[in-house]
Amino acid sequence: MNKEFAELKNKSSKELEAELMVAREDQFTLRIKHKTGQLNETSQLGEVKKKIARIKTLINANKLKDEK
């Protein structure tokens, strides 16, 4: 299991929502840098995208757990 995923798993729903907002801001910044040619490591785009997906997965899992 990814260390980052394990750390995210221990956070509450509010903390995950805040983390999601930060990750989306990072993604927006990286996309702008990529379009203007200022981004040297384009792999960062994929990493942020995966981080967003992990966070959204955990948020959804928490919602499903709370419903039961």
PDB file of N, CA and C in Angstrom:
ATOM      1  N   MET A   1       0.840  -1.174   0.000  1.00  0.00           N
ATOM      2  CA  MET A   1       0.000   0.000   0.000  1.00  0.00           C
ATOM      3  C   MET A   1       0.891   1.245   0.000  1.00  0.00           C
ATOM      4  N   ASN A   2       0.473   2.235  -0.726  1.00  0.00           N
ATOM      5  CA  ASN A   2       1.191   3.491  -0.831  1.00  0.00           C
ATOM      6  C   ASN A   2       1.206   4.203   0.529  1.00  0.00           C
ATOM      7  N   LYS A   3       2.365   4.761   0.909  1.00  0.00           N
ATOM      8  CA  LYS A   3       2.469   5.471   2.181  1.00  0.00           C
ATOM      9  C   LYS A   3       1.494   6.640   2.236  1.00  0.00           C
ATOM     10  N   GLU A   4       1.408   7.350   1.136  1.00  0.00           N
ATOM     11  CA  GLU A   4       0.519   8.511   1.075  1.00  0.00           C
ATOM     12  C   GLU A   4      -0.939   8.084   1.263  1.00  0.00           C
ATOM     13  N   PHE A   5      -1.317   6.962   0.669  1.00  0.00           N
ATOM     14  CA  PHE A   5      -2.679   6.460   0.796  1.00  0.00           C
ATOM     15  C   PHE A   5      -2.960   6.063   2.242  1.00  0.00           C
ATOM     16  N   ALA A   6      -1.991   5.455   2.889  1.00  0.00           N
ATOM     17  CA  ALA A   6      -2.153   5.058   4.286  1.00  0.00           C
ATOM     18  C   ALA A   6      -2.344   6.282   5.179  1.00  0.00           C
ATOM     19  N   GLU A   7      -1.608   7.354   4.893  1.00  0.00           N
ATOM     20  CA  GLU A   7      -1.752   8.583   5.667  1.00  0.00           C
ATOM     21  C   GLU A   7      -3.124   9.211   5.424  1.00  0.00           C
ATOM     22  N   LEU A   8      -3.587   9.189   4.183  1.00  0.00           N
ATOM     23  CA  LEU A   8      -4.890   9.754   3.861  1.00  0.00           C
ATOM     24  C   LEU A   8      -6.019   8.957   4.518  1.00  0.00           C
ATOM     25  N   LYS A   9      -5.811   7.662   4.660  1.00  0.00           N
ATOM     26  CA  LYS A   9      -6.833   6.789   5.219  1.00  0.00           C
ATOM     27  C   LYS A   9      -7.153   7.144   6.674  1.00  0.00           C
ATOM     28  N   ASN A  10      -6.178   7.717   7.370  1.00  0.00           N
ATOM     29  CA  ASN A  10      -6.351   8.060   8.778  1.00  0.00           C
ATOM     30  C   ASN A  10      -7.026   9.411   8.987  1.00  0.00           C
ATOM     31  N   LYS A  11      -7.283  10.149   7.924  1.00  0.00           N
ATOM     32  CA  LYS A  11      -7.855  11.488   8.055  1.00  0.00           C
ATOM     33  C   LYS A  11      -9.377  11.433   8.070  1.00  0.00           C
ATOM     34  N   SER A  12      -9.960  12.463   8.668  1.00  0.00           N
ATOM     35  CA  SER A  12     -11.423  12.559   8.729  1.00  0.00           C
ATOM     36  C   SER A  12     -11.958  13.096   7.397  1.00  0.00           C
ATOM     37  N   SER A  13     -13.267  13.102   7.266  1.00  0.00           N
ATOM     38  CA  SER A  13     -13.896  13.554   6.026  1.00  0.00           C
ATOM     39  C   SER A  13     -13.593  15.025   5.749  1.00  0.00           C
ATOM     40  N   LYS A  14     -13.623  15.841   6.786  1.00  0.00           N
ATOM     41  CA  LYS A  14     -13.334  17.275   6.605  1.00  0.00           C
ATOM     42  C   LYS A  14     -11.888  17.488   6.163  1.00  0.00           C
ATOM     43  N   GLU A  15     -10.985  16.732   6.751  1.00  0.00           N
ATOM     44  CA  GLU A  15      -9.579  16.839   6.368  1.00  0.00           C
ATOM     45  C   GLU A  15      -9.377  16.375   4.928  1.00  0.00           C
ATOM     46  N   LEU A  16     -10.104  15.336   4.530  1.00  0.00           N
ATOM     47  CA  LEU A  16     -10.003  14.854   3.150  1.00  0.00           C
ATOM     48  C   LEU A  16     -10.544  15.892   2.168  1.00  0.00           C
ATOM     49  N   GLU A  17     -11.636  16.552   2.539  1.00  0.00           N
ATOM     50  CA  GLU A  17     -12.191  17.598   1.680  1.00  0.00           C
ATOM     51  C   GLU A  17     -11.189  18.740   1.501  1.00  0.00           C
ATOM     52  N   ALA A  18     -10.524  19.118   2.599  1.00  0.00           N
ATOM     53  CA  ALA A  18      -9.513  20.175   2.533  1.00  0.00           C
ATOM     54  C   ALA A  18      -8.337  19.726   1.669  1.00  0.00           C
ATOM     55  N   GLU A  19      -7.930  18.491   1.830  1.00  0.00           N
ATOM     56  CA  GLU A  19      -6.823  17.934   1.042  1.00  0.00           C
ATOM     57  C   GLU A  19      -7.183  17.900  -0.442  1.00  0.00           C
ATOM     58  N   LEU A  20      -8.445  17.606  -0.729  1.00  0.00           N
ATOM     59  CA  LEU A  20      -8.917  17.577  -2.113  1.00  0.00           C
ATOM     60  C   LEU A  20      -8.844  18.964  -2.737  1.00  0.00           C
ATOM     61  N   MET A  21      -9.234  19.974  -1.999  1.00  0.00           N
ATOM     62  CA  MET A  21      -9.179  21.346  -2.509  1.00  0.00           C
ATOM     63  C   MET A  21      -7.736  21.753  -2.825  1.00  0.00           C
ATOM     64  N   VAL A  22      -6.817  21.394  -1.936  1.00  0.00           N
ATOM     65  CA  VAL A  22      -5.405  21.715  -2.153  1.00  0.00           C
ATOM     66  C   VAL A  22      -4.880  20.993  -3.393  1.00  0.00           C
ATOM     67  N   ALA A  23      -5.244  19.726  -3.534  1.00  0.00           N
ATOM     68  CA  ALA A  23      -4.780  18.942  -4.680  1.00  0.00           C
ATOM     69  C   ALA A  23      -5.330  19.500  -5.986  1.00  0.00           C
ATOM     70  N   ARG A  24      -6.586  19.944  -5.976  1.00  0.00           N
ATOM     71  CA  ARG A  24      -7.163  20.527  -7.191  1.00  0.00           C
ATOM     72  C   ARG A  24      -6.504  21.854  -7.541  1.00  0.00           C
ATOM     73  N   GLU A  25      -6.149  22.641  -6.530  1.00  0.00           N
ATOM     74  CA  GLU A  25      -5.422  23.885  -6.786  1.00  0.00           C
ATOM     75  C   GLU A  25      -4.050  23.578  -7.386  1.00  0.00           C
ATOM     76  N   ASP A  26      -3.390  22.550  -6.850  1.00  0.00           N
ATOM     77  CA  ASP A  26      -2.092  22.135  -7.398  1.00  0.00           C
ATOM     78  C   ASP A  26      -2.242  21.698  -8.854  1.00  0.00           C
ATOM     79  N   GLN A  27      -3.299  20.932  -9.121  1.00  0.00           N
ATOM     80  CA  GLN A  27      -3.535  20.457 -10.480  1.00  0.00           C
ATOM     81  C   GLN A  27      -3.752  21.639 -11.436  1.00  0.00           C
ATOM     82  N   PHE A  28      -4.526  22.611 -11.004  1.00  0.00           N
ATOM     83  CA  PHE A  28      -4.779  23.784 -11.843  1.00  0.00           C
ATOM     84  C   PHE A  28      -3.482  24.529 -12.131  1.00  0.00           C
ATOM     85  N   THR A  29      -2.676  24.727 -11.094  1.00  0.00           N
ATOM     86  CA  THR A  29      -1.395  25.425 -11.256  1.00  0.00           C
ATOM     87  C   THR A  29      -0.483  24.675 -12.223  1.00  0.00           C
ATOM     88  N   LEU A  30      -0.425  23.354 -12.065  1.00  0.00           N
ATOM     89  CA  LEU A  30       0.428  22.557 -12.947  1.00  0.00           C
ATOM     90  C   LEU A  30      -0.069  22.591 -14.390  1.00  0.00           C
ATOM     91  N   ARG A  31      -1.379  22.577 -14.582  1.00  0.00           N
ATOM     92  CA  ARG A  31      -1.917  22.634 -15.944  1.00  0.00           C
ATOM     93  C   ARG A  31      -1.587  23.962 -16.611  1.00  0.00           C
ATOM     94  N   ILE A  32      -1.672  25.048 -15.858  1.00  0.00           N
ATOM     95  CA  ILE A  32      -1.326  26.364 -16.402  1.00  0.00           C
ATOM     96  C   ILE A  32       0.161  26.411 -16.759  1.00  0.00           C
ATOM     97  N   LYS A  33       0.997  25.908 -15.869  1.00  0.00           N
ATOM     98  CA  LYS A  33       2.436  25.878 -16.145  1.00  0.00           C
ATOM     99  C   LYS A  33       2.743  25.027 -17.370  1.00  0.00           C
ATOM    100  N   HIS A  34       2.031  23.913 -17.521  1.00  0.00           N
ATOM    101  CA  HIS A  34       2.246  23.031 -18.661  1.00  0.00           C
ATOM    102  C   HIS A  34       1.875  23.736 -19.969  1.00  0.00           C
ATOM    103  N   LYS A  35       0.753  24.439 -19.958  1.00  0.00           N
ATOM    104  CA  LYS A  35       0.306  25.135 -21.167  1.00  0.00           C
ATOM    105  C   LYS A  35       1.247  26.268 -21.557  1.00  0.00           C
ATOM    106  N   THR A  36       1.850  26.920 -20.559  1.00  0.00           N
ATOM    107  CA  THR A  36       2.758  28.027 -20.853  1.00  0.00           C
ATOM    108  C   THR A  36       4.198  27.570 -21.062  1.00  0.00           C
ATOM    109  N   GLY A  37       4.448  26.269 -20.931  1.00  0.00           N
ATOM    110  CA  GLY A  37       5.782  25.738 -21.176  1.00  0.00           C
ATOM    111  C   GLY A  37       6.733  25.889 -20.008  1.00  0.00           C
ATOM    112  N   GLN A  38       6.235  26.160 -18.822  1.00  0.00           N
ATOM    113  CA  GLN A  38       7.087  26.354 -17.654  1.00  0.00           C
ATOM    114  C   GLN A  38       7.268  25.079 -16.837  1.00  0.00           C
ATOM    115  N   LEU A  39       6.516  24.024 -17.165  1.00  0.00           N
ATOM    116  CA  LEU A  39       6.574  22.780 -16.386  1.00  0.00           C
ATOM    117  C   LEU A  39       7.598  21.836 -17.006  1.00  0.00           C
ATOM    118  N   ASN A  40       8.632  21.519 -16.236  1.00  0.00           N
ATOM    119  CA  ASN A  40       9.680  20.631 -16.731  1.00  0.00           C
ATOM    120  C   ASN A  40       9.345  19.167 -16.507  1.00  0.00           C
ATOM    121  N   GLU A  41       8.740  18.866 -15.369  1.00  0.00           N
ATOM    122  CA  GLU A  41       8.407  17.482 -15.034  1.00  0.00           C
ATOM    123  C   GLU A  41       6.910  17.264 -15.228  1.00  0.00           C
ATOM    124  N   THR A  42       6.552  16.801 -16.407  1.00  0.00           N
ATOM    125  CA  THR A  42       5.136  16.601 -16.703  1.00  0.00           C
ATOM    126  C   THR A  42       4.540  15.417 -15.951  1.00  0.00           C
ATOM    127  N   SER A  43       5.375  14.596 -15.351  1.00  0.00           N
ATOM    128  CA  SER A  43       4.868  13.468 -14.574  1.00  0.00           C
ATOM    129  C   SER A  43       4.123  13.938 -13.331  1.00  0.00           C
ATOM    130  N   GLN A  44       4.360  15.172 -12.913  1.00  0.00           N
ATOM    131  CA  GLN A  44       3.659  15.729 -11.760  1.00  0.00           C
ATOM    132  C   GLN A  44       2.160  15.806 -12.020  1.00  0.00           C
ATOM    133  N   LEU A  45       1.775  16.025 -13.269  1.00  0.00           N
ATOM    134  CA  LEU A  45       0.357  16.083 -13.614  1.00  0.00           C
ATOM    135  C   LEU A  45      -0.332  14.760 -13.298  1.00  0.00           C
ATOM    136  N   GLY A  46       0.287  13.668 -13.670  1.00  0.00           N
ATOM    137  CA  GLY A  46      -0.279  12.351 -13.403  1.00  0.00           C
ATOM    138  C   GLY A  46      -0.309  12.027 -11.923  1.00  0.00           C
ATOM    139  N   GLU A  47       0.724  12.453 -11.201  1.00  0.00           N
ATOM    140  CA  GLU A  47       0.781  12.193  -9.764  1.00  0.00           C
ATOM    141  C   GLU A  47      -0.346  12.907  -9.033  1.00  0.00           C
ATOM    142  N   VAL A  48      -0.600  14.150  -9.401  1.00  0.00           N
ATOM    143  CA  VAL A  48      -1.662  14.914  -8.755  1.00  0.00           C
ATOM    144  C   VAL A  48      -3.021  14.318  -9.116  1.00  0.00           C
ATOM    145  N   LYS A  49      -3.160  13.882 -10.358  1.00  0.00           N
ATOM    146  CA  LYS A  49      -4.420  13.269 -10.779  1.00  0.00           C
ATOM    147  C   LYS A  49      -4.704  12.007  -9.972  1.00  0.00           C
ATOM    148  N   LYS A  50      -3.671  11.199  -9.745  1.00  0.00           N
ATOM    149  CA  LYS A  50      -3.834   9.983  -8.953  1.00  0.00           C
ATOM    150  C   LYS A  50      -4.142  10.309  -7.499  1.00  0.00           C
ATOM    151  N   LYS A  51      -3.525  11.367  -6.977  1.00  0.00           N
ATOM    152  CA  LYS A  51      -3.784  11.771  -5.602  1.00  0.00           C
ATOM    153  C   LYS A  51      -5.244  12.189  -5.441  1.00  0.00           C
ATOM    154  N   ILE A  52      -5.758  12.930  -6.412  1.00  0.00           N
ATOM    155  CA  ILE A  52      -7.161  13.350  -6.375  1.00  0.00           C
ATOM    156  C   ILE A  52      -8.066  12.127  -6.399  1.00  0.00           C
ATOM    157  N   ALA A  53      -7.738  11.162  -7.233  1.00  0.00           N
ATOM    158  CA  ALA A  53      -8.552   9.944  -7.322  1.00  0.00           C
ATOM    159  C   ALA A  53      -8.531   9.178  -6.002  1.00  0.00           C
ATOM    160  N   ARG A  54      -7.376   9.101  -5.348  1.00  0.00           N
ATOM    161  CA  ARG A  54      -7.283   8.410  -4.058  1.00  0.00           C
ATOM    162  C   ARG A  54      -8.141   9.105  -3.005  1.00  0.00           C
ATOM    163  N   ILE A  55      -8.062  10.425  -2.978  1.00  0.00           N
ATOM    164  CA  ILE A  55      -8.832  11.187  -1.995  1.00  0.00           C
ATOM    165  C   ILE A  55     -10.325  10.999  -2.234  1.00  0.00           C
ATOM    166  N   LYS A  56     -10.743  11.085  -3.491  1.00  0.00           N
ATOM    167  CA  LYS A  56     -12.165  10.928  -3.800  1.00  0.00           C
ATOM    168  C   LYS A  56     -12.650   9.517  -3.463  1.00  0.00           C
ATOM    169  N   THR A  57     -11.797   8.528  -3.655  1.00  0.00           N
ATOM    170  CA  THR A  57     -12.144   7.151  -3.308  1.00  0.00           C
ATOM    171  C   THR A  57     -12.379   7.025  -1.808  1.00  0.00           C
ATOM    172  N   LEU A  58     -11.491   7.619  -1.015  1.00  0.00           N
ATOM    173  CA  LEU A  58     -11.637   7.551   0.438  1.00  0.00           C
ATOM    174  C   LEU A  58     -12.873   8.316   0.916  1.00  0.00           C
ATOM    175  N   ILE A  59     -13.152   9.458   0.302  1.00  0.00           N
ATOM    176  CA  ILE A  59     -14.344  10.226   0.674  1.00  0.00           C
ATOM    177  C   ILE A  59     -15.592   9.397   0.398  1.00  0.00           C
ATOM    178  N   ASN A  60     -15.634   8.764  -0.759  1.00  0.00           N
ATOM    179  CA  ASN A  60     -16.786   7.943  -1.121  1.00  0.00           C
ATOM    180  C   ASN A  60     -16.911   6.729  -0.192  1.00  0.00           C
ATOM    181  N   ALA A  61     -15.791   6.125   0.158  1.00  0.00           N
ATOM    182  CA  ALA A  61     -15.818   4.981   1.066  1.00  0.00           C
ATOM    183  C   ALA A  61     -16.331   5.396   2.446  1.00  0.00           C
ATOM    184  N   ASN A  62     -15.927   6.573   2.901  1.00  0.00           N
ATOM    185  CA  ASN A  62     -16.405   7.073   4.194  1.00  0.00           C
ATOM    186  C   ASN A  62     -17.906   7.330   4.161  1.00  0.00           C
ATOM    187  N   LYS A  63     -18.400   7.868   3.049  1.00  0.00           N
ATOM    188  CA  LYS A  63     -19.832   8.129   2.917  1.00  0.00           C
ATOM    189  C   LYS A  63     -20.615   6.816   2.940  1.00  0.00           C
ATOM    190  N   LEU A  64     -20.109   5.819   2.241  1.00  0.00           N
ATOM    191  CA  LEU A  64     -20.782   4.530   2.219  1.00  0.00           C
ATOM    192  C   LEU A  64     -20.773   3.856   3.589  1.00  0.00           C
ATOM    193  N   LYS A  65     -19.664   4.023   4.306  1.00  0.00           N
ATOM    194  CA  LYS A  65     -19.542   3.446   5.641  1.00  0.00           C
ATOM    195  C   LYS A  65     -20.534   4.130   6.600  1.00  0.00           C
ATOM    196  N   ASP A  66     -20.699   5.436   6.457  1.00  0.00           N
ATOM    197  CA  ASP A  66     -21.605   6.180   7.329  1.00  0.00           C
ATOM    198  C   ASP A  66     -23.068   5.841   7.061  1.00  0.00           C
ATOM    199  N   GLU A  67     -23.380   5.474   5.839  1.00  0.00           N
ATOM    200  CA  GLU A  67     -24.769   5.140   5.484  1.00  0.00           C
ATOM    201  C   GLU A  67     -25.213   3.834   6.122  1.00  0.00           C
ATOM    202  N   LYS A  68     -24.287   2.939   6.360  1.00  0.00           N
ATOM    203  CA  LYS A  68     -24.648   1.615   6.905  1.00  0.00           C
ATOM    204  C   LYS A  68     -24.850   1.648   8.367  1.00  0.00           C
TER     205      LYS A  68
END
